């Protein structure tokens, strides 16, 4: 079962929401990280992605939904992409990640997908780090025996 994509959640001054193909994979990885407890430091590492200008925690769309956080990225000289991340309810995403675009020059779907892939990589690293730590906690007592 896929995560609900809310098409009527507009953001003033931006086109969207759009749901490029890479959104499915990002939702999948984000779900895995959320199950392992998404931490603030995992979110903070997203600032290191090329073109990311800031992270905001105050994004509300026209459907009055308050997003967990949003990444603002500069694309080309005159374009901006916002990737918004849903709230978590009992460690479950309550809707899909979404993308909004503002641009004087067109931003291609390919550019957006490459940016989403970079985000996926950061979350995948966080998931691996958390999984490795949990595995080590299980193996340490066994190795002491």
N, C-alpha and C. Protein backbone atom coordinates (compact mmCIF):
# COMPACT_ATOMS: atom_id res chain seq x y z
N UNK A 1 0.84 -1.19 0.00
CA UNK A 1 0.00 0.00 0.00
C UNK A 1 0.88 1.24 0.00
N UNK A 2 0.61 2.18 -0.91
CA UNK A 2 1.38 3.41 -0.99
C UNK A 2 0.94 4.44 0.03
N UNK A 3 1.78 5.41 0.21
CA UNK A 3 1.47 6.51 1.12
C UNK A 3 0.62 7.52 0.36
N UNK A 4 -0.35 8.09 1.02
CA UNK A 4 -1.29 9.02 0.39
C UNK A 4 -0.58 10.27 -0.13
N UNK A 5 -0.79 10.58 -1.40
CA UNK A 5 -0.28 11.79 -2.03
C UNK A 5 -1.43 12.79 -2.08
N UNK A 6 -1.30 13.88 -1.34
CA UNK A 6 -2.37 14.87 -1.24
C UNK A 6 -2.14 15.96 -2.29
N UNK A 7 -2.90 15.85 -3.38
CA UNK A 7 -2.75 16.75 -4.53
C UNK A 7 -3.28 18.16 -4.26
N UNK A 8 -4.22 18.30 -3.34
CA UNK A 8 -4.83 19.61 -3.11
C UNK A 8 -4.11 20.44 -2.05
N UNK A 9 -2.92 20.04 -1.64
CA UNK A 9 -2.15 20.75 -0.62
C UNK A 9 -1.22 21.76 -1.29
N UNK A 10 -1.76 22.90 -1.70
CA UNK A 10 -0.97 23.93 -2.38
C UNK A 10 -0.13 24.73 -1.40
N UNK A 11 0.90 25.37 -1.93
CA UNK A 11 1.76 26.23 -1.12
C UNK A 11 1.86 27.57 -1.85
N UNK A 12 1.45 28.62 -1.18
CA UNK A 12 1.36 29.94 -1.81
C UNK A 12 2.69 30.36 -2.43
N UNK A 13 2.64 30.77 -3.70
CA UNK A 13 3.81 31.24 -4.41
C UNK A 13 4.60 30.14 -5.12
N UNK A 14 4.14 28.90 -5.02
CA UNK A 14 4.86 27.77 -5.60
C UNK A 14 3.93 26.92 -6.46
N UNK A 15 4.51 26.23 -7.43
CA UNK A 15 3.78 25.24 -8.21
C UNK A 15 3.87 23.91 -7.48
N UNK A 16 2.79 23.18 -7.50
CA UNK A 16 2.80 21.87 -6.86
C UNK A 16 1.59 21.69 -5.98
N UNK A 17 1.54 20.58 -5.31
CA UNK A 17 2.64 19.64 -5.12
C UNK A 17 2.86 18.78 -6.36
N UNK A 18 4.11 18.37 -6.52
CA UNK A 18 4.43 17.39 -7.55
C UNK A 18 5.03 16.17 -6.86
N UNK A 19 4.85 15.04 -7.49
CA UNK A 19 5.31 13.77 -6.93
C UNK A 19 6.13 13.02 -7.98
N UNK A 20 7.39 13.46 -8.20
CA UNK A 20 8.23 12.76 -9.18
C UNK A 20 8.43 11.29 -8.78
N UNK A 21 8.89 10.50 -9.72
CA UNK A 21 9.08 9.06 -9.49
C UNK A 21 9.93 8.78 -8.25
N UNK A 22 10.95 9.58 -8.00
CA UNK A 22 11.85 9.33 -6.86
C UNK A 22 11.17 9.52 -5.51
N UNK A 23 10.00 10.12 -5.48
CA UNK A 23 9.27 10.30 -4.22
C UNK A 23 8.95 8.94 -3.59
N UNK A 24 8.60 7.96 -4.41
CA UNK A 24 8.26 6.63 -3.89
C UNK A 24 9.42 6.03 -3.10
N UNK A 25 10.62 6.12 -3.68
CA UNK A 25 11.80 5.57 -3.01
C UNK A 25 12.15 6.38 -1.75
N UNK A 26 12.00 7.71 -1.83
CA UNK A 26 12.26 8.55 -0.67
C UNK A 26 11.30 8.22 0.47
N UNK A 27 10.02 8.04 0.15
CA UNK A 27 9.04 7.65 1.18
C UNK A 27 9.44 6.32 1.82
N UNK A 28 9.86 5.38 1.00
CA UNK A 28 10.26 4.05 1.49
C UNK A 28 11.43 4.14 2.46
N UNK A 29 12.46 4.89 2.08
CA UNK A 29 13.64 5.04 2.94
C UNK A 29 13.28 5.82 4.20
N UNK A 30 12.49 6.87 4.04
CA UNK A 30 12.10 7.67 5.19
C UNK A 30 11.30 6.84 6.19
N UNK A 31 10.42 5.98 5.70
CA UNK A 31 9.67 5.07 6.58
C UNK A 31 10.61 4.18 7.38
N UNK A 32 11.64 3.66 6.73
CA UNK A 32 12.60 2.79 7.42
C UNK A 32 13.36 3.56 8.50
N UNK A 33 13.76 4.79 8.19
CA UNK A 33 14.48 5.61 9.16
C UNK A 33 13.56 5.98 10.32
N UNK A 34 12.33 6.32 10.03
CA UNK A 34 11.37 6.70 11.06
C UNK A 34 11.15 5.56 12.04
N UNK A 35 11.09 4.33 11.53
CA UNK A 35 10.93 3.17 12.41
C UNK A 35 12.10 3.02 13.36
N UNK A 36 13.25 3.51 12.95
CA UNK A 36 14.46 3.45 13.80
C UNK A 36 14.61 4.73 14.61
N UNK A 37 13.64 5.61 14.54
CA UNK A 37 13.63 6.89 15.26
C UNK A 37 14.46 7.96 14.54
N UNK A 38 13.79 8.76 13.76
CA UNK A 38 14.40 9.87 13.06
C UNK A 38 14.89 10.87 14.11
N UNK A 39 16.15 11.21 14.03
CA UNK A 39 16.74 12.12 15.02
C UNK A 39 17.03 13.47 14.38
N UNK A 40 17.10 14.48 15.23
CA UNK A 40 17.38 15.83 14.75
C UNK A 40 18.70 15.88 13.99
N UNK A 41 19.70 15.14 14.46
CA UNK A 41 20.98 15.18 13.75
C UNK A 41 20.87 14.58 12.35
N UNK A 42 19.92 13.64 12.14
CA UNK A 42 19.69 13.10 10.80
C UNK A 42 19.12 14.19 9.89
N UNK A 43 18.23 14.99 10.43
CA UNK A 43 17.65 16.09 9.67
C UNK A 43 18.72 17.15 9.39
N UNK A 44 19.52 17.46 10.41
CA UNK A 44 20.56 18.49 10.25
C UNK A 44 21.57 18.15 9.16
N UNK A 45 21.85 16.86 8.93
CA UNK A 45 22.82 16.50 7.89
C UNK A 45 22.31 16.84 6.49
N UNK A 46 21.00 17.03 6.36
CA UNK A 46 20.44 17.40 5.06
C UNK A 46 20.94 18.77 4.60
N UNK A 47 21.36 19.62 5.53
CA UNK A 47 21.88 20.94 5.19
C UNK A 47 23.16 20.83 4.36
N UNK A 48 23.83 19.69 4.45
CA UNK A 48 25.10 19.50 3.73
C UNK A 48 24.91 19.16 2.26
N UNK A 49 23.68 18.88 1.85
CA UNK A 49 23.41 18.54 0.45
C UNK A 49 23.60 19.79 -0.41
N UNK A 50 24.24 19.58 -1.55
CA UNK A 50 24.48 20.68 -2.48
C UNK A 50 23.16 21.40 -2.81
N UNK A 51 23.20 22.71 -2.82
CA UNK A 51 22.09 23.60 -3.14
C UNK A 51 21.11 23.84 -2.00
N UNK A 52 21.18 23.11 -0.90
CA UNK A 52 20.25 23.34 0.21
C UNK A 52 20.62 24.66 0.88
N UNK A 53 19.61 25.52 1.00
CA UNK A 53 19.84 26.82 1.62
C UNK A 53 19.42 26.84 3.08
N UNK A 54 18.32 26.13 3.37
CA UNK A 54 17.85 26.14 4.76
C UNK A 54 16.83 25.04 4.99
N UNK A 55 16.56 24.82 6.26
CA UNK A 55 15.50 23.90 6.69
C UNK A 55 14.51 24.74 7.47
N UNK A 56 13.23 24.53 7.21
CA UNK A 56 12.18 25.27 7.91
C UNK A 56 11.27 24.29 8.63
N UNK A 57 10.77 24.72 9.78
CA UNK A 57 9.84 23.90 10.55
C UNK A 57 8.47 24.57 10.66
N UNK A 58 8.21 25.52 9.76
CA UNK A 58 6.97 26.28 9.84
C UNK A 58 6.25 26.32 8.50
N UNK A 59 6.08 25.20 7.85
CA UNK A 59 5.42 25.15 6.55
C UNK A 59 3.99 24.63 6.73
N UNK A 60 3.04 25.43 6.27
CA UNK A 60 1.62 25.04 6.31
C UNK A 60 1.07 25.22 4.89
N UNK A 61 0.42 24.19 4.37
CA UNK A 61 -0.16 24.26 3.03
C UNK A 61 -1.62 24.68 3.12
N UNK A 62 -2.23 24.90 1.95
CA UNK A 62 -3.60 25.41 1.90
C UNK A 62 -4.63 24.48 2.54
N UNK A 63 -4.30 23.23 2.70
CA UNK A 63 -5.22 22.30 3.37
C UNK A 63 -5.04 22.34 4.89
N UNK A 64 -4.28 23.34 5.36
CA UNK A 64 -4.01 23.59 6.79
C UNK A 64 -3.17 22.48 7.45
N UNK A 65 -2.44 21.79 6.63
CA UNK A 65 -1.56 20.73 7.13
C UNK A 65 -0.21 21.36 7.50
N UNK A 66 0.24 21.09 8.71
CA UNK A 66 1.55 21.58 9.17
C UNK A 66 2.56 20.46 8.98
N UNK A 67 3.50 20.69 8.06
CA UNK A 67 4.52 19.70 7.73
C UNK A 67 5.56 19.62 8.84
N UNK A 68 6.19 18.47 8.95
CA UNK A 68 7.22 18.26 9.97
C UNK A 68 8.41 19.20 9.74
N UNK A 69 8.92 19.21 8.51
CA UNK A 69 9.99 20.14 8.15
C UNK A 69 10.06 20.21 6.62
N UNK A 70 10.81 21.22 6.15
CA UNK A 70 10.95 21.43 4.70
C UNK A 70 12.39 21.81 4.38
N UNK A 71 12.87 21.30 3.25
CA UNK A 71 14.19 21.67 2.73
C UNK A 71 14.00 22.67 1.61
N UNK A 72 14.69 23.79 1.68
CA UNK A 72 14.66 24.79 0.62
C UNK A 72 15.98 24.70 -0.13
N UNK A 73 15.90 24.51 -1.44
CA UNK A 73 17.12 24.39 -2.25
C UNK A 73 17.04 25.32 -3.45
N UNK A 74 18.17 25.90 -3.79
CA UNK A 74 18.28 26.76 -4.97
C UNK A 74 18.64 25.89 -6.16
N UNK A 75 17.89 26.03 -7.23
CA UNK A 75 18.16 25.31 -8.48
C UNK A 75 18.38 26.34 -9.56
N UNK A 76 19.50 26.21 -10.22
CA UNK A 76 19.91 27.20 -11.21
C UNK A 76 19.99 28.56 -10.53
N UNK A 77 19.93 29.64 -11.29
CA UNK A 77 20.05 30.96 -10.66
C UNK A 77 18.74 31.48 -10.14
N UNK A 78 17.64 31.10 -10.76
CA UNK A 78 16.38 31.73 -10.41
C UNK A 78 15.30 30.76 -9.92
N UNK A 79 15.69 29.54 -9.63
CA UNK A 79 14.68 28.56 -9.24
C UNK A 79 14.85 28.08 -7.81
N UNK A 80 13.76 27.65 -7.26
CA UNK A 80 13.78 27.14 -5.89
C UNK A 80 12.90 25.89 -5.83
N UNK A 81 13.39 24.90 -5.12
CA UNK A 81 12.63 23.67 -4.89
C UNK A 81 12.47 23.52 -3.38
N UNK A 82 11.26 23.19 -2.97
CA UNK A 82 11.00 22.89 -1.56
C UNK A 82 10.53 21.44 -1.50
N UNK A 83 11.20 20.66 -0.66
CA UNK A 83 10.78 19.29 -0.39
C UNK A 83 10.23 19.29 1.02
N UNK A 84 8.94 18.94 1.15
CA UNK A 84 8.30 18.96 2.47
C UNK A 84 8.13 17.53 2.98
N UNK A 85 8.37 17.37 4.27
CA UNK A 85 8.33 16.07 4.91
C UNK A 85 7.18 16.01 5.90
N UNK A 86 6.38 14.94 5.83
CA UNK A 86 5.17 14.85 6.64
C UNK A 86 5.45 14.62 8.13
N UNK A 87 4.41 14.87 8.89
CA UNK A 87 4.47 14.57 10.33
C UNK A 87 4.50 13.07 10.53
N UNK A 88 4.89 12.69 11.71
CA UNK A 88 4.94 11.27 12.07
C UNK A 88 3.86 11.00 13.11
N UNK A 89 3.07 9.97 12.86
CA UNK A 89 2.05 9.56 13.79
C UNK A 89 2.37 8.12 14.20
N UNK A 90 2.73 7.92 15.44
CA UNK A 90 3.12 6.60 15.93
C UNK A 90 4.19 5.98 15.02
N UNK A 91 5.20 6.79 14.69
CA UNK A 91 6.32 6.36 13.85
C UNK A 91 5.90 5.94 12.45
N UNK A 92 4.81 6.51 11.94
CA UNK A 92 4.31 6.24 10.60
C UNK A 92 4.12 7.58 9.90
N UNK A 93 4.48 7.65 8.63
CA UNK A 93 4.25 8.87 7.85
C UNK A 93 2.76 8.98 7.57
N UNK A 94 2.17 10.14 7.82
CA UNK A 94 0.73 10.26 7.59
C UNK A 94 0.37 10.73 6.18
N UNK A 95 1.37 11.04 5.37
CA UNK A 95 1.19 11.34 3.95
C UNK A 95 2.55 11.34 3.27
N UNK A 96 2.54 11.44 1.96
CA UNK A 96 3.77 11.39 1.17
C UNK A 96 4.59 12.67 1.30
N UNK A 97 5.88 12.51 1.15
CA UNK A 97 6.76 13.65 0.92
C UNK A 97 6.25 14.32 -0.36
N UNK A 98 6.37 15.64 -0.45
CA UNK A 98 5.91 16.35 -1.64
C UNK A 98 6.95 17.39 -2.05
N UNK A 99 6.87 17.81 -3.30
CA UNK A 99 7.80 18.80 -3.86
C UNK A 99 7.01 19.98 -4.39
N UNK A 100 7.55 21.18 -4.14
CA UNK A 100 7.00 22.42 -4.68
C UNK A 100 8.12 23.16 -5.39
N UNK A 101 7.79 23.87 -6.46
CA UNK A 101 8.79 24.52 -7.30
C UNK A 101 8.39 25.97 -7.56
N UNK A 102 9.39 26.85 -7.54
CA UNK A 102 9.20 28.23 -7.96
C UNK A 102 10.39 28.56 -8.86
N UNK A 103 10.10 28.99 -10.10
CA UNK A 103 11.20 29.20 -11.03
C UNK A 103 10.81 30.14 -12.15
N UNK A 104 11.76 31.00 -12.51
CA UNK A 104 11.58 31.82 -13.70
C UNK A 104 12.03 31.04 -14.93
N UNK A 105 13.03 30.19 -14.76
CA UNK A 105 13.47 29.28 -15.81
C UNK A 105 13.00 27.89 -15.40
N UNK A 106 12.62 27.09 -16.34
CA UNK A 106 12.05 25.80 -15.97
C UNK A 106 13.10 24.90 -15.32
N UNK A 107 12.66 24.19 -14.31
CA UNK A 107 13.47 23.20 -13.62
C UNK A 107 12.97 21.85 -14.10
N UNK A 108 13.86 21.01 -14.58
CA UNK A 108 13.43 19.73 -15.13
C UNK A 108 13.11 18.72 -14.04
N UNK A 109 12.29 17.77 -14.38
CA UNK A 109 11.97 16.68 -13.47
C UNK A 109 13.25 15.92 -13.13
N UNK A 110 14.14 15.80 -14.09
CA UNK A 110 15.43 15.12 -13.86
C UNK A 110 16.22 15.81 -12.75
N UNK A 111 16.27 17.15 -12.78
CA UNK A 111 16.99 17.90 -11.74
C UNK A 111 16.37 17.65 -10.37
N UNK A 112 15.05 17.64 -10.32
CA UNK A 112 14.36 17.39 -9.05
C UNK A 112 14.65 15.97 -8.58
N UNK A 113 14.61 14.99 -9.48
CA UNK A 113 14.89 13.60 -9.10
C UNK A 113 16.32 13.42 -8.57
N UNK A 114 17.28 14.10 -9.18
CA UNK A 114 18.67 14.02 -8.70
C UNK A 114 18.75 14.58 -7.29
N UNK A 115 18.07 15.68 -7.04
CA UNK A 115 18.05 16.27 -5.70
C UNK A 115 17.41 15.30 -4.70
N UNK A 116 16.30 14.67 -5.08
CA UNK A 116 15.63 13.70 -4.20
C UNK A 116 16.54 12.49 -3.92
N UNK A 117 17.31 12.09 -4.92
CA UNK A 117 18.26 10.98 -4.71
C UNK A 117 19.31 11.34 -3.67
N UNK A 118 19.75 12.58 -3.66
CA UNK A 118 20.73 13.02 -2.66
C UNK A 118 20.13 12.95 -1.25
N UNK A 119 18.87 13.33 -1.14
CA UNK A 119 18.18 13.24 0.16
C UNK A 119 18.07 11.78 0.58
N UNK A 120 17.69 10.93 -0.36
CA UNK A 120 17.58 9.49 -0.06
C UNK A 120 18.88 8.94 0.49
N UNK A 121 19.98 9.33 -0.14
CA UNK A 121 21.29 8.84 0.29
C UNK A 121 21.57 9.24 1.73
N UNK A 122 21.24 10.46 2.12
CA UNK A 122 21.45 10.90 3.51
C UNK A 122 20.62 10.08 4.48
N UNK A 123 19.35 9.85 4.13
CA UNK A 123 18.50 9.06 5.02
C UNK A 123 18.94 7.60 5.06
N UNK A 124 19.40 7.08 3.93
CA UNK A 124 19.88 5.70 3.90
C UNK A 124 21.10 5.54 4.81
N UNK A 125 22.00 6.52 4.78
CA UNK A 125 23.17 6.48 5.67
C UNK A 125 22.74 6.51 7.13
N UNK A 126 21.75 7.32 7.45
CA UNK A 126 21.25 7.39 8.84
C UNK A 126 20.67 6.05 9.25
N UNK A 127 19.90 5.43 8.36
CA UNK A 127 19.30 4.13 8.65
C UNK A 127 20.38 3.08 8.90
N UNK A 128 21.40 3.05 8.04
CA UNK A 128 22.50 2.08 8.20
C UNK A 128 23.23 2.30 9.51
N UNK A 129 23.50 3.55 9.85
CA UNK A 129 24.20 3.88 11.09
C UNK A 129 23.40 3.39 12.29
N UNK A 130 22.09 3.63 12.29
CA UNK A 130 21.25 3.21 13.41
C UNK A 130 21.15 1.70 13.48
N UNK A 131 21.04 1.04 12.34
CA UNK A 131 20.94 -0.42 12.30
C UNK A 131 22.25 -1.04 12.80
N UNK A 132 23.36 -0.49 12.35
CA UNK A 132 24.67 -0.99 12.78
C UNK A 132 24.82 -0.87 14.31
N UNK A 133 24.37 0.27 14.87
CA UNK A 133 24.45 0.49 16.31
C UNK A 133 23.60 -0.54 17.06
N UNK A 134 22.39 -0.77 16.58
CA UNK A 134 21.51 -1.76 17.23
C UNK A 134 22.10 -3.16 17.16
N UNK A 135 22.67 -3.50 16.03
CA UNK A 135 23.29 -4.81 15.87
C UNK A 135 24.46 -4.97 16.84
N UNK A 136 25.26 -3.92 16.96
CA UNK A 136 26.40 -3.96 17.87
C UNK A 136 25.93 -4.15 19.32
N UNK A 137 24.84 -3.49 19.69
CA UNK A 137 24.30 -3.64 21.05
C UNK A 137 23.85 -5.07 21.31
N UNK A 138 23.37 -5.75 20.29
CA UNK A 138 22.95 -7.15 20.42
C UNK A 138 24.17 -8.06 20.51
N UNK A 139 25.18 -7.79 19.68
CA UNK A 139 26.35 -8.66 19.61
C UNK A 139 27.34 -8.47 20.76
N UNK A 140 27.42 -7.28 21.33
CA UNK A 140 28.38 -7.04 22.42
C UNK A 140 28.21 -8.00 23.58
N UNK A 141 27.00 -8.18 24.12
CA UNK A 141 26.86 -9.13 25.23
C UNK A 141 27.20 -10.57 24.84
N UNK A 142 26.92 -10.93 23.60
CA UNK A 142 27.21 -12.30 23.13
C UNK A 142 28.72 -12.51 23.06
N UNK A 143 29.46 -11.50 22.57
CA UNK A 143 30.90 -11.64 22.42
C UNK A 143 31.63 -11.66 23.76
N UNK A 144 31.00 -11.14 24.81
CA UNK A 144 31.60 -11.14 26.15
C UNK A 144 31.45 -12.51 26.83
N UNK A 145 30.54 -13.31 26.34
CA UNK A 145 30.31 -14.64 26.96
C UNK A 145 31.40 -15.61 26.70
